[in-house]
N, C-alpha and C. Protein backbone atom coordinates (compact mmCIF):
# COMPACT_ATOMS: atom_id res chain seq x y z
N MET A 1 74.45 5.49 -57.20
CA MET A 1 73.59 6.27 -56.31
C MET A 1 73.51 7.72 -56.78
N ARG A 2 74.67 8.28 -57.11
CA ARG A 2 74.71 9.67 -57.54
C ARG A 2 73.94 9.87 -58.85
N ARG A 3 74.07 8.92 -59.76
CA ARG A 3 73.37 8.99 -61.04
C ARG A 3 71.86 8.90 -60.82
N ALA A 4 71.41 8.04 -59.93
CA ALA A 4 69.98 7.90 -59.64
C ALA A 4 69.44 9.19 -59.03
N LEU A 5 70.20 9.82 -58.15
CA LEU A 5 69.77 11.07 -57.54
C LEU A 5 69.64 12.16 -58.60
N LYS A 6 70.61 12.25 -59.51
CA LYS A 6 70.53 13.25 -60.58
C LYS A 6 69.31 13.01 -61.46
N ALA A 7 69.06 11.75 -61.82
CA ALA A 7 67.90 11.42 -62.65
C ALA A 7 66.60 11.78 -61.93
N SER A 8 66.56 11.51 -60.63
CA SER A 8 65.36 11.83 -59.85
C SER A 8 65.13 13.33 -59.79
N LEU A 9 66.17 14.10 -59.61
CA LEU A 9 66.03 15.55 -59.56
C LEU A 9 65.60 16.11 -60.91
N ARG A 10 66.01 15.47 -62.01
CA ARG A 10 65.58 15.91 -63.33
C ARG A 10 64.06 15.79 -63.48
N THR A 11 63.47 14.76 -62.87
CA THR A 11 62.02 14.57 -63.00
C THR A 11 61.24 15.68 -62.32
N LEU A 12 61.88 16.40 -61.41
CA LEU A 12 61.19 17.49 -60.73
C LEU A 12 60.77 18.58 -61.71
N GLY A 13 61.45 18.69 -62.83
CA GLY A 13 61.12 19.70 -63.83
C GLY A 13 59.85 19.38 -64.60
N ARG A 14 59.37 18.16 -64.57
CA ARG A 14 58.17 17.77 -65.31
C ARG A 14 56.93 17.97 -64.47
N ILE A 15 56.51 19.20 -64.36
CA ILE A 15 55.35 19.56 -63.55
C ILE A 15 54.26 20.04 -64.50
N PRO A 16 53.03 19.50 -64.40
CA PRO A 16 51.98 19.88 -65.35
C PRO A 16 51.71 21.38 -65.36
N GLU A 17 51.32 21.88 -66.54
CA GLU A 17 50.98 23.28 -66.70
C GLU A 17 49.81 23.64 -65.80
N GLY A 18 49.86 24.79 -65.17
CA GLY A 18 48.79 25.23 -64.29
C GLY A 18 49.00 24.83 -62.84
N CYS A 19 49.97 23.98 -62.59
CA CYS A 19 50.25 23.55 -61.22
C CYS A 19 51.30 24.48 -60.62
N PRO A 20 51.04 25.02 -59.42
CA PRO A 20 52.05 25.88 -58.79
C PRO A 20 53.37 25.13 -58.63
N VAL A 21 54.48 25.78 -58.95
CA VAL A 21 55.78 25.12 -58.97
C VAL A 21 56.12 24.50 -57.61
N GLY A 22 55.94 25.24 -56.53
CA GLY A 22 56.26 24.71 -55.20
C GLY A 22 55.47 23.45 -54.89
N PHE A 23 54.20 23.46 -55.24
CA PHE A 23 53.38 22.26 -55.02
C PHE A 23 53.86 21.12 -55.88
N GLY A 24 54.18 21.43 -57.15
CA GLY A 24 54.66 20.40 -58.06
C GLY A 24 55.93 19.74 -57.57
N VAL A 25 56.84 20.51 -57.02
CA VAL A 25 58.08 19.96 -56.47
C VAL A 25 57.76 19.04 -55.29
N ALA A 26 56.87 19.46 -54.39
CA ALA A 26 56.50 18.64 -53.24
C ALA A 26 55.86 17.32 -53.71
N TRP A 27 55.03 17.41 -54.75
CA TRP A 27 54.38 16.21 -55.29
C TRP A 27 55.43 15.24 -55.83
N ARG A 28 56.38 15.75 -56.61
CA ARG A 28 57.42 14.89 -57.17
C ARG A 28 58.29 14.29 -56.06
N LEU A 29 58.61 15.06 -55.05
CA LEU A 29 59.39 14.51 -53.93
C LEU A 29 58.61 13.40 -53.23
N GLY A 30 57.30 13.58 -53.05
CA GLY A 30 56.47 12.53 -52.48
C GLY A 30 56.51 11.27 -53.31
N GLN A 31 56.48 11.42 -54.64
CA GLN A 31 56.56 10.25 -55.52
C GLN A 31 57.91 9.54 -55.36
N LEU A 32 58.97 10.30 -55.19
CA LEU A 32 60.29 9.70 -55.04
C LEU A 32 60.37 8.81 -53.81
N ILE A 33 59.65 9.17 -52.74
CA ILE A 33 59.69 8.34 -51.54
C ILE A 33 58.53 7.33 -51.49
N GLY A 34 57.75 7.27 -52.59
CA GLY A 34 56.74 6.22 -52.70
C GLY A 34 55.31 6.62 -52.44
N LEU A 35 55.01 7.91 -52.26
CA LEU A 35 53.64 8.34 -52.01
C LEU A 35 52.92 8.58 -53.33
N ASN A 36 51.82 7.89 -53.57
CA ASN A 36 51.03 8.05 -54.79
C ASN A 36 51.91 7.99 -56.04
N ARG A 37 52.81 7.06 -56.05
CA ARG A 37 53.79 6.95 -57.13
C ARG A 37 53.15 6.78 -58.51
N ARG A 38 52.01 6.10 -58.60
CA ARG A 38 51.36 5.83 -59.89
C ARG A 38 50.43 6.95 -60.35
N VAL A 39 50.28 8.00 -59.55
CA VAL A 39 49.37 9.08 -59.90
C VAL A 39 50.09 10.05 -60.84
N PRO A 40 49.58 10.22 -62.09
CA PRO A 40 50.29 11.05 -63.06
C PRO A 40 49.99 12.55 -62.99
N TRP A 41 49.19 12.98 -62.01
CA TRP A 41 48.91 14.41 -61.84
C TRP A 41 49.30 14.79 -60.41
N PRO A 42 49.51 16.07 -60.13
CA PRO A 42 49.95 16.48 -58.79
C PRO A 42 48.89 16.26 -57.73
N VAL A 43 49.28 15.60 -56.65
CA VAL A 43 48.41 15.41 -55.49
C VAL A 43 49.20 15.74 -54.23
N HIS A 44 48.49 16.18 -53.21
CA HIS A 44 49.12 16.48 -51.93
C HIS A 44 49.63 15.18 -51.32
N PHE A 45 50.73 15.23 -50.60
CA PHE A 45 51.31 14.01 -50.05
C PHE A 45 50.42 13.33 -49.01
N THR A 46 49.41 14.03 -48.46
CA THR A 46 48.49 13.41 -47.51
C THR A 46 47.24 12.86 -48.19
N THR A 47 47.13 13.01 -49.49
CA THR A 47 46.00 12.49 -50.26
C THR A 47 46.27 11.05 -50.65
N THR A 48 45.21 10.24 -50.70
CA THR A 48 45.31 8.85 -51.15
C THR A 48 44.51 8.70 -52.44
N VAL A 49 45.13 8.10 -53.46
CA VAL A 49 44.44 7.85 -54.73
C VAL A 49 44.54 6.36 -55.02
N ARG A 50 43.38 5.71 -55.13
CA ARG A 50 43.30 4.30 -55.48
C ARG A 50 42.82 4.18 -56.93
N SER A 51 43.47 3.34 -57.72
CA SER A 51 43.16 3.11 -59.14
C SER A 51 43.25 4.40 -59.96
N PRO A 52 44.38 5.11 -59.91
CA PRO A 52 44.49 6.37 -60.65
C PRO A 52 44.33 6.20 -62.16
N GLU A 53 44.60 5.02 -62.66
CA GLU A 53 44.45 4.78 -64.10
C GLU A 53 42.99 4.84 -64.55
N ARG A 54 42.06 4.84 -63.62
CA ARG A 54 40.63 4.92 -63.95
C ARG A 54 40.05 6.32 -63.75
N VAL A 55 40.92 7.30 -63.58
CA VAL A 55 40.50 8.69 -63.43
C VAL A 55 40.76 9.42 -64.74
N LYS A 56 39.72 10.08 -65.26
CA LYS A 56 39.85 10.91 -66.47
C LYS A 56 39.74 12.36 -66.06
N LEU A 57 40.74 13.15 -66.43
CA LEU A 57 40.80 14.55 -66.01
C LEU A 57 40.55 15.51 -67.15
N GLY A 58 39.81 16.58 -66.85
CA GLY A 58 39.65 17.69 -67.78
C GLY A 58 40.82 18.64 -67.66
N THR A 59 40.74 19.75 -68.34
CA THR A 59 41.78 20.77 -68.33
C THR A 59 41.78 21.52 -67.00
N GLY A 60 42.96 21.81 -66.49
CA GLY A 60 43.09 22.67 -65.31
C GLY A 60 42.52 22.10 -64.03
N THR A 61 42.51 20.79 -63.90
CA THR A 61 41.99 20.18 -62.68
C THR A 61 43.00 19.18 -62.14
N PHE A 62 43.20 19.20 -60.82
CA PHE A 62 44.14 18.31 -60.16
C PHE A 62 43.48 17.76 -58.90
N PRO A 63 42.56 16.80 -59.03
CA PRO A 63 41.87 16.30 -57.83
C PRO A 63 42.87 15.70 -56.84
N GLY A 64 42.74 16.12 -55.61
CA GLY A 64 43.64 15.64 -54.57
C GLY A 64 44.81 16.56 -54.31
N ASP A 65 44.82 17.73 -54.96
CA ASP A 65 45.92 18.66 -54.67
C ASP A 65 45.73 19.34 -53.32
N SER A 66 44.53 19.26 -52.77
CA SER A 66 44.29 19.75 -51.41
C SER A 66 44.62 18.62 -50.43
N PRO A 67 44.98 18.95 -49.21
CA PRO A 67 45.39 17.91 -48.26
C PRO A 67 44.25 16.99 -47.84
N GLY A 68 44.61 15.73 -47.59
CA GLY A 68 43.72 14.78 -46.95
C GLY A 68 42.58 14.22 -47.79
N CYS A 69 42.64 14.34 -49.11
CA CYS A 69 41.56 13.80 -49.95
C CYS A 69 41.71 12.29 -50.07
N TYR A 70 40.58 11.62 -50.33
CA TYR A 70 40.57 10.18 -50.58
C TYR A 70 39.83 9.97 -51.89
N ILE A 71 40.54 9.47 -52.89
CA ILE A 71 39.97 9.26 -54.22
C ILE A 71 40.08 7.78 -54.54
N GLN A 72 38.93 7.11 -54.56
CA GLN A 72 38.88 5.68 -54.84
C GLN A 72 38.15 5.51 -56.16
N ALA A 73 38.89 5.15 -57.21
CA ALA A 73 38.34 5.14 -58.57
C ALA A 73 38.14 3.73 -59.11
N THR A 74 37.80 2.79 -58.28
CA THR A 74 37.62 1.40 -58.72
C THR A 74 36.65 1.30 -59.90
N ASN A 75 35.54 2.02 -59.86
CA ASN A 75 34.56 2.00 -60.95
C ASN A 75 34.73 3.19 -61.90
N GLY A 76 35.73 3.99 -61.71
CA GLY A 76 36.01 5.12 -62.58
C GLY A 76 35.50 6.45 -62.04
N ILE A 77 36.24 7.49 -62.37
CA ILE A 77 35.87 8.87 -62.00
C ILE A 77 36.24 9.77 -63.18
N GLU A 78 35.31 10.65 -63.57
CA GLU A 78 35.56 11.62 -64.62
C GLU A 78 35.41 13.01 -64.00
N VAL A 79 36.45 13.83 -64.16
CA VAL A 79 36.46 15.16 -63.56
C VAL A 79 36.52 16.19 -64.68
N GLY A 80 35.54 17.11 -64.72
CA GLY A 80 35.46 18.12 -65.77
C GLY A 80 36.48 19.23 -65.61
N ASP A 81 36.57 20.06 -66.64
CA ASP A 81 37.52 21.17 -66.68
C ASP A 81 37.33 22.11 -65.49
N PHE A 82 38.45 22.52 -64.91
CA PHE A 82 38.51 23.54 -63.86
C PHE A 82 37.65 23.21 -62.64
N THR A 83 37.52 21.93 -62.34
CA THR A 83 36.80 21.49 -61.14
C THR A 83 37.79 21.40 -59.99
N ASN A 84 37.38 21.86 -58.81
CA ASN A 84 38.25 21.89 -57.64
C ASN A 84 37.69 21.07 -56.49
N LEU A 85 38.59 20.43 -55.75
CA LEU A 85 38.24 19.68 -54.55
C LEU A 85 38.89 20.35 -53.36
N GLY A 86 38.12 20.60 -52.32
CA GLY A 86 38.66 21.16 -51.09
C GLY A 86 39.36 20.10 -50.27
N PRO A 87 39.93 20.49 -49.14
CA PRO A 87 40.62 19.53 -48.26
C PRO A 87 39.68 18.46 -47.74
N GLY A 88 40.19 17.24 -47.69
CA GLY A 88 39.45 16.13 -47.08
C GLY A 88 38.29 15.59 -47.89
N VAL A 89 38.17 15.95 -49.16
CA VAL A 89 37.06 15.47 -49.99
C VAL A 89 37.24 13.98 -50.26
N GLY A 90 36.12 13.25 -50.26
CA GLY A 90 36.12 11.82 -50.60
C GLY A 90 35.35 11.56 -51.87
N LEU A 91 35.98 10.91 -52.83
CA LEU A 91 35.30 10.44 -54.04
C LEU A 91 35.34 8.92 -53.98
N ILE A 92 34.19 8.31 -53.73
CA ILE A 92 34.11 6.87 -53.51
C ILE A 92 33.32 6.26 -54.66
N SER A 93 33.99 5.59 -55.60
CA SER A 93 33.30 5.08 -56.79
C SER A 93 32.75 3.67 -56.61
N ALA A 94 33.12 2.98 -55.54
CA ALA A 94 32.64 1.60 -55.35
C ALA A 94 32.45 1.30 -53.87
N ASN A 95 31.33 0.68 -53.57
CA ASN A 95 31.08 0.19 -52.21
C ASN A 95 31.59 -1.24 -52.08
N HIS A 96 31.87 -1.65 -50.85
CA HIS A 96 32.24 -3.05 -50.61
C HIS A 96 30.99 -3.92 -50.69
N ASP A 97 31.18 -5.13 -51.14
CA ASP A 97 30.10 -6.12 -51.16
C ASP A 97 29.78 -6.48 -49.70
N PRO A 98 28.51 -6.34 -49.28
CA PRO A 98 28.18 -6.63 -47.88
C PRO A 98 28.37 -8.10 -47.49
N TYR A 99 28.46 -9.01 -48.49
CA TYR A 99 28.65 -10.43 -48.22
C TYR A 99 30.10 -10.87 -48.34
N ASP A 100 30.92 -10.04 -48.97
CA ASP A 100 32.34 -10.35 -49.13
C ASP A 100 33.12 -9.05 -49.14
N ASN A 101 33.63 -8.66 -47.99
CA ASN A 101 34.29 -7.37 -47.82
C ASN A 101 35.55 -7.21 -48.68
N SER A 102 36.05 -8.32 -49.24
CA SER A 102 37.23 -8.23 -50.10
C SER A 102 36.87 -7.83 -51.53
N GLN A 103 35.57 -7.73 -51.83
CA GLN A 103 35.10 -7.40 -53.17
C GLN A 103 34.39 -6.04 -53.18
N HIS A 104 34.40 -5.40 -54.35
CA HIS A 104 33.66 -4.15 -54.54
C HIS A 104 32.48 -4.41 -55.47
N LEU A 105 31.41 -3.67 -55.26
CA LEU A 105 30.22 -3.79 -56.11
C LEU A 105 30.39 -2.92 -57.36
N PRO A 106 29.95 -3.42 -58.52
CA PRO A 106 30.02 -2.58 -59.72
C PRO A 106 29.03 -1.42 -59.63
N ALA A 107 29.39 -0.30 -60.23
CA ALA A 107 28.53 0.90 -60.26
C ALA A 107 28.99 1.76 -61.43
N PRO A 108 28.12 2.65 -61.91
CA PRO A 108 28.59 3.60 -62.93
C PRO A 108 29.67 4.50 -62.33
N PRO A 109 30.52 5.09 -63.17
CA PRO A 109 31.56 5.98 -62.64
C PRO A 109 30.97 7.26 -62.06
N ILE A 110 31.73 7.90 -61.20
CA ILE A 110 31.38 9.24 -60.72
C ILE A 110 31.72 10.20 -61.85
N ARG A 111 30.81 11.14 -62.13
CA ARG A 111 31.05 12.14 -63.17
C ARG A 111 30.85 13.54 -62.57
N LEU A 112 31.91 14.32 -62.58
CA LEU A 112 31.86 15.70 -62.09
C LEU A 112 31.97 16.63 -63.29
N GLY A 113 31.02 17.56 -63.42
CA GLY A 113 31.00 18.48 -64.56
C GLY A 113 32.11 19.51 -64.50
N LYS A 114 32.03 20.45 -65.42
CA LYS A 114 33.01 21.54 -65.49
C LYS A 114 32.72 22.59 -64.42
N HIS A 115 33.77 23.20 -63.92
CA HIS A 115 33.69 24.32 -62.97
C HIS A 115 32.92 23.97 -61.70
N CYS A 116 33.05 22.74 -61.24
CA CYS A 116 32.41 22.35 -59.97
C CYS A 116 33.37 22.69 -58.82
N TRP A 117 32.80 22.84 -57.65
CA TRP A 117 33.59 23.07 -56.43
C TRP A 117 33.04 22.15 -55.36
N LEU A 118 33.91 21.27 -54.82
CA LEU A 118 33.52 20.36 -53.76
C LEU A 118 34.16 20.86 -52.47
N GLY A 119 33.32 21.29 -51.52
CA GLY A 119 33.80 21.89 -50.28
C GLY A 119 34.44 20.88 -49.34
N MET A 120 35.11 21.42 -48.35
CA MET A 120 35.87 20.64 -47.38
C MET A 120 35.07 19.48 -46.79
N HIS A 121 35.67 18.30 -46.82
CA HIS A 121 35.12 17.07 -46.23
C HIS A 121 33.78 16.64 -46.83
N SER A 122 33.48 17.08 -48.05
CA SER A 122 32.29 16.55 -48.72
C SER A 122 32.64 15.17 -49.27
N VAL A 123 31.58 14.36 -49.50
CA VAL A 123 31.76 12.99 -49.98
C VAL A 123 30.82 12.76 -51.17
N ILE A 124 31.36 12.21 -52.24
CA ILE A 124 30.59 11.87 -53.43
C ILE A 124 30.59 10.34 -53.51
N LEU A 125 29.40 9.75 -53.56
CA LEU A 125 29.26 8.29 -53.52
C LEU A 125 29.12 7.68 -54.92
N PRO A 126 29.20 6.35 -55.04
CA PRO A 126 29.23 5.68 -56.34
C PRO A 126 28.08 6.07 -57.27
N GLY A 127 28.41 6.23 -58.56
CA GLY A 127 27.42 6.48 -59.59
C GLY A 127 26.87 7.88 -59.67
N VAL A 128 27.33 8.79 -58.85
CA VAL A 128 26.80 10.16 -58.82
C VAL A 128 27.32 10.95 -60.01
N THR A 129 26.43 11.71 -60.64
CA THR A 129 26.78 12.66 -61.69
C THR A 129 26.40 14.05 -61.22
N LEU A 130 27.35 14.98 -61.28
CA LEU A 130 27.10 16.38 -60.96
C LEU A 130 27.29 17.19 -62.24
N GLY A 131 26.30 18.00 -62.59
CA GLY A 131 26.38 18.84 -63.77
C GLY A 131 27.35 19.99 -63.58
N ASP A 132 27.57 20.73 -64.66
CA ASP A 132 28.48 21.88 -64.64
C ASP A 132 28.06 22.89 -63.56
N TYR A 133 29.04 23.56 -62.99
CA TYR A 133 28.85 24.63 -61.99
C TYR A 133 28.03 24.16 -60.78
N THR A 134 28.33 22.97 -60.32
CA THR A 134 27.71 22.48 -59.09
C THR A 134 28.66 22.76 -57.93
N VAL A 135 28.14 23.37 -56.88
CA VAL A 135 28.91 23.63 -55.66
C VAL A 135 28.40 22.66 -54.60
N VAL A 136 29.30 21.92 -53.97
CA VAL A 136 28.93 21.01 -52.90
C VAL A 136 29.46 21.60 -51.60
N GLY A 137 28.55 21.88 -50.68
CA GLY A 137 28.93 22.51 -49.42
C GLY A 137 29.78 21.60 -48.55
N ALA A 138 30.53 22.22 -47.65
CA ALA A 138 31.41 21.49 -46.74
C ALA A 138 30.62 20.45 -45.95
N GLY A 139 31.15 19.24 -45.90
CA GLY A 139 30.56 18.17 -45.12
C GLY A 139 29.36 17.49 -45.75
N ALA A 140 28.96 17.90 -46.94
CA ALA A 140 27.79 17.29 -47.60
C ALA A 140 28.12 15.87 -48.05
N VAL A 141 27.10 15.01 -48.06
CA VAL A 141 27.23 13.66 -48.56
C VAL A 141 26.29 13.52 -49.74
N VAL A 142 26.87 13.39 -50.94
CA VAL A 142 26.07 13.36 -52.16
C VAL A 142 25.80 11.89 -52.51
N THR A 143 24.53 11.49 -52.36
CA THR A 143 24.13 10.10 -52.57
C THR A 143 23.40 9.88 -53.89
N LYS A 144 22.97 10.98 -54.54
CA LYS A 144 22.26 10.86 -55.82
C LYS A 144 22.76 11.94 -56.77
N SER A 145 22.41 11.79 -58.03
CA SER A 145 22.90 12.68 -59.07
C SER A 145 22.12 13.98 -59.17
N PHE A 146 22.82 15.03 -59.60
CA PHE A 146 22.24 16.34 -59.90
C PHE A 146 22.81 16.76 -61.25
N PRO A 147 22.36 16.09 -62.33
CA PRO A 147 22.99 16.26 -63.64
C PRO A 147 22.77 17.62 -64.30
N THR A 148 21.75 18.37 -63.89
CA THR A 148 21.52 19.67 -64.53
C THR A 148 22.51 20.72 -64.05
N GLY A 149 23.09 20.54 -62.88
CA GLY A 149 24.09 21.46 -62.38
C GLY A 149 23.55 22.84 -62.04
N TYR A 150 24.44 23.84 -62.04
CA TYR A 150 24.10 25.24 -61.73
C TYR A 150 23.33 25.34 -60.41
N CYS A 151 23.89 24.67 -59.38
CA CYS A 151 23.22 24.67 -58.08
C CYS A 151 24.24 24.53 -56.95
N VAL A 152 23.77 24.81 -55.74
CA VAL A 152 24.55 24.60 -54.53
C VAL A 152 23.88 23.48 -53.76
N LEU A 153 24.67 22.47 -53.37
CA LEU A 153 24.17 21.33 -52.61
C LEU A 153 24.70 21.40 -51.19
N ALA A 154 23.91 20.95 -50.24
CA ALA A 154 24.36 20.89 -48.85
C ALA A 154 23.57 19.81 -48.13
N GLY A 155 24.13 19.34 -47.03
CA GLY A 155 23.42 18.41 -46.16
C GLY A 155 23.81 16.96 -46.35
N ASN A 156 23.17 16.11 -45.52
CA ASN A 156 23.38 14.67 -45.56
C ASN A 156 22.04 13.98 -45.39
N PRO A 157 21.47 13.45 -46.48
CA PRO A 157 21.98 13.46 -47.84
C PRO A 157 21.86 14.85 -48.47
N ALA A 158 22.74 15.11 -49.44
CA ALA A 158 22.78 16.44 -50.07
C ALA A 158 21.49 16.73 -50.82
N ARG A 159 21.11 17.99 -50.77
CA ARG A 159 19.93 18.46 -51.52
C ARG A 159 20.26 19.86 -52.04
N VAL A 160 19.48 20.30 -53.02
CA VAL A 160 19.70 21.63 -53.59
C VAL A 160 19.24 22.68 -52.58
N VAL A 161 20.14 23.60 -52.24
CA VAL A 161 19.79 24.69 -51.34
C VAL A 161 19.75 26.03 -52.06
N LYS A 162 20.30 26.06 -53.29
CA LYS A 162 20.28 27.30 -54.06
C LYS A 162 20.50 26.97 -55.54
N GLU A 163 19.73 27.64 -56.39
CA GLU A 163 19.94 27.54 -57.84
C GLU A 163 20.86 28.68 -58.26
N LEU A 164 21.77 28.41 -59.21
CA LEU A 164 22.68 29.43 -59.72
C LEU A 164 22.22 29.86 -61.11
N ASP A 165 22.38 31.14 -61.43
CA ASP A 165 21.96 31.70 -62.70
C ASP A 165 23.01 31.41 -63.78
N PRO A 166 22.69 30.55 -64.76
CA PRO A 166 23.67 30.22 -65.80
C PRO A 166 24.16 31.43 -66.58
N GLU A 167 23.28 32.37 -66.86
CA GLU A 167 23.69 33.56 -67.62
C GLU A 167 24.70 34.39 -66.84
N ARG A 168 24.50 34.52 -65.57
CA ARG A 168 25.43 35.29 -64.73
C ARG A 168 26.80 34.61 -64.67
N LEU A 169 26.80 33.27 -64.60
CA LEU A 169 28.06 32.54 -64.58
C LEU A 169 28.79 32.68 -65.91
N ARG A 170 28.08 32.57 -67.02
CA ARG A 170 28.70 32.72 -68.34
C ARG A 170 29.25 34.13 -68.53
N ALA A 171 28.54 35.14 -68.03
CA ALA A 171 28.99 36.53 -68.16
C ALA A 171 30.27 36.79 -67.35
N ALA A 172 30.45 36.02 -66.28
CA ALA A 172 31.63 36.20 -65.42
C ALA A 172 32.89 35.67 -66.08
N GLY A 173 32.76 34.87 -67.13
CA GLY A 173 33.93 34.34 -67.84
C GLY A 173 34.18 32.88 -67.55
N PRO A 174 35.04 32.25 -68.37
CA PRO A 174 35.26 30.80 -68.26
C PRO A 174 35.97 30.36 -66.99
N HIS A 175 36.72 31.23 -66.35
CA HIS A 175 37.46 30.84 -65.14
C HIS A 175 36.97 31.57 -63.90
N ALA A 176 35.75 32.07 -63.96
CA ALA A 176 35.22 32.83 -62.83
C ALA A 176 35.03 31.93 -61.63
N PRO A 177 35.45 32.39 -60.45
CA PRO A 177 35.22 31.59 -59.25
C PRO A 177 33.73 31.58 -58.92
N ILE A 178 33.33 30.52 -58.29
CA ILE A 178 31.92 30.41 -57.91
C ILE A 178 31.73 31.00 -56.54
């Protein structure tokens, strides 16, 4: 028992670069008690991740590090560099088959570009692609793709409410907040 505890505490030191240490420790403790045990990146203990092996992550991104997110990657999810998810965000890559609720329908993966921001309780549905620097407003439901990016989306279904100036974003630097 003592040896297992020591080994478990040693794993607390393996926290990905860019992850706040306190959060990383909480994530590892959650894994020790069985929460999101198969998820290889830091997630909040109230977040649920299904099929984490089908999630591809860019640099500096930890989807689900905010509380209450639901990430279902049955058909795959690709997250670009420095993309952030707010609390309660849902990424749903597969719908249930309406004739057999135990099955999921195939769909293309969800693709989120670089430097995107998904606001609180927004939902991204199967097959959606969001281009770089896309901001999704709180509570928005994104049902179709916006591959050109550089925009703010809001509503249900989501629509473009504002275009963003690519030159201004580039001038602000690679890690500029949106």
